[in-house]
Each structure stands twice: as structure tokens, then as C-alpha cells.
Amino acid sequence: MPNTEPTIYEIRIDGHLGREWSTWFEGLTVTLAEDGTTLLSGPVADQCALHGLLKKVRDLGAPLISINQVEPGPRDSTATRPTDPIQTRSDA
């Protein structure tokens, strides 16, 4: 039987977005990083929903830096562990 639980993703984009963008990005948490990037994080229902979010990043014109699928931590913890990231920009 397929897993029906949403997958947690972290999408990092270049530049800072205001927290009011959370609604447009389907309730993802908007975190502003000190390095000038924005981290969008939270559960994504399926691959179709992920592609919809990436389309919104494209439509916004914000450079996409990375996408990470993260595994939820223990039930009593909010910690996550990144899985293999998809890098879209070289940090060299």
C-alpha cells in the first residue's frame, strides 16, 4: 500500500521573501536566512504539489538554490534529517 503521509521538503531560494508569502506557498514555513536566502519548509502532499510549488518559485522569478527532502524526527521531536539534496546552483 502506498504511503499517504505528506513528505517534508525544504526549498531554498535566493533572496528574502516576506512571511506573508507563506499563504501563497500553500502554508509552508518561510524562514529568512542570514546568507540572504529564504527557506520554504513543510509538508507537501505529493509530487504534483511539489511541482506546483516549484512553478510558483519560477513564476516569482526567484533563483532556486536547492530542494531537500527531509525525514521527520522522532514523534516527540521536531528535528529533521535531510536526505540527498537536489542542488541547483553551484556554491563554488
Foldseek 3Di string as FASTA:
>chain_A
DDDQWFWKKKWKWAAADDQVCCVVLVNFGWDQDPVGIIITIDGARDPVSVVVNVVVCVVVVTHTAKMWTWDADPPVDRDIDTDDIDGDDDPD
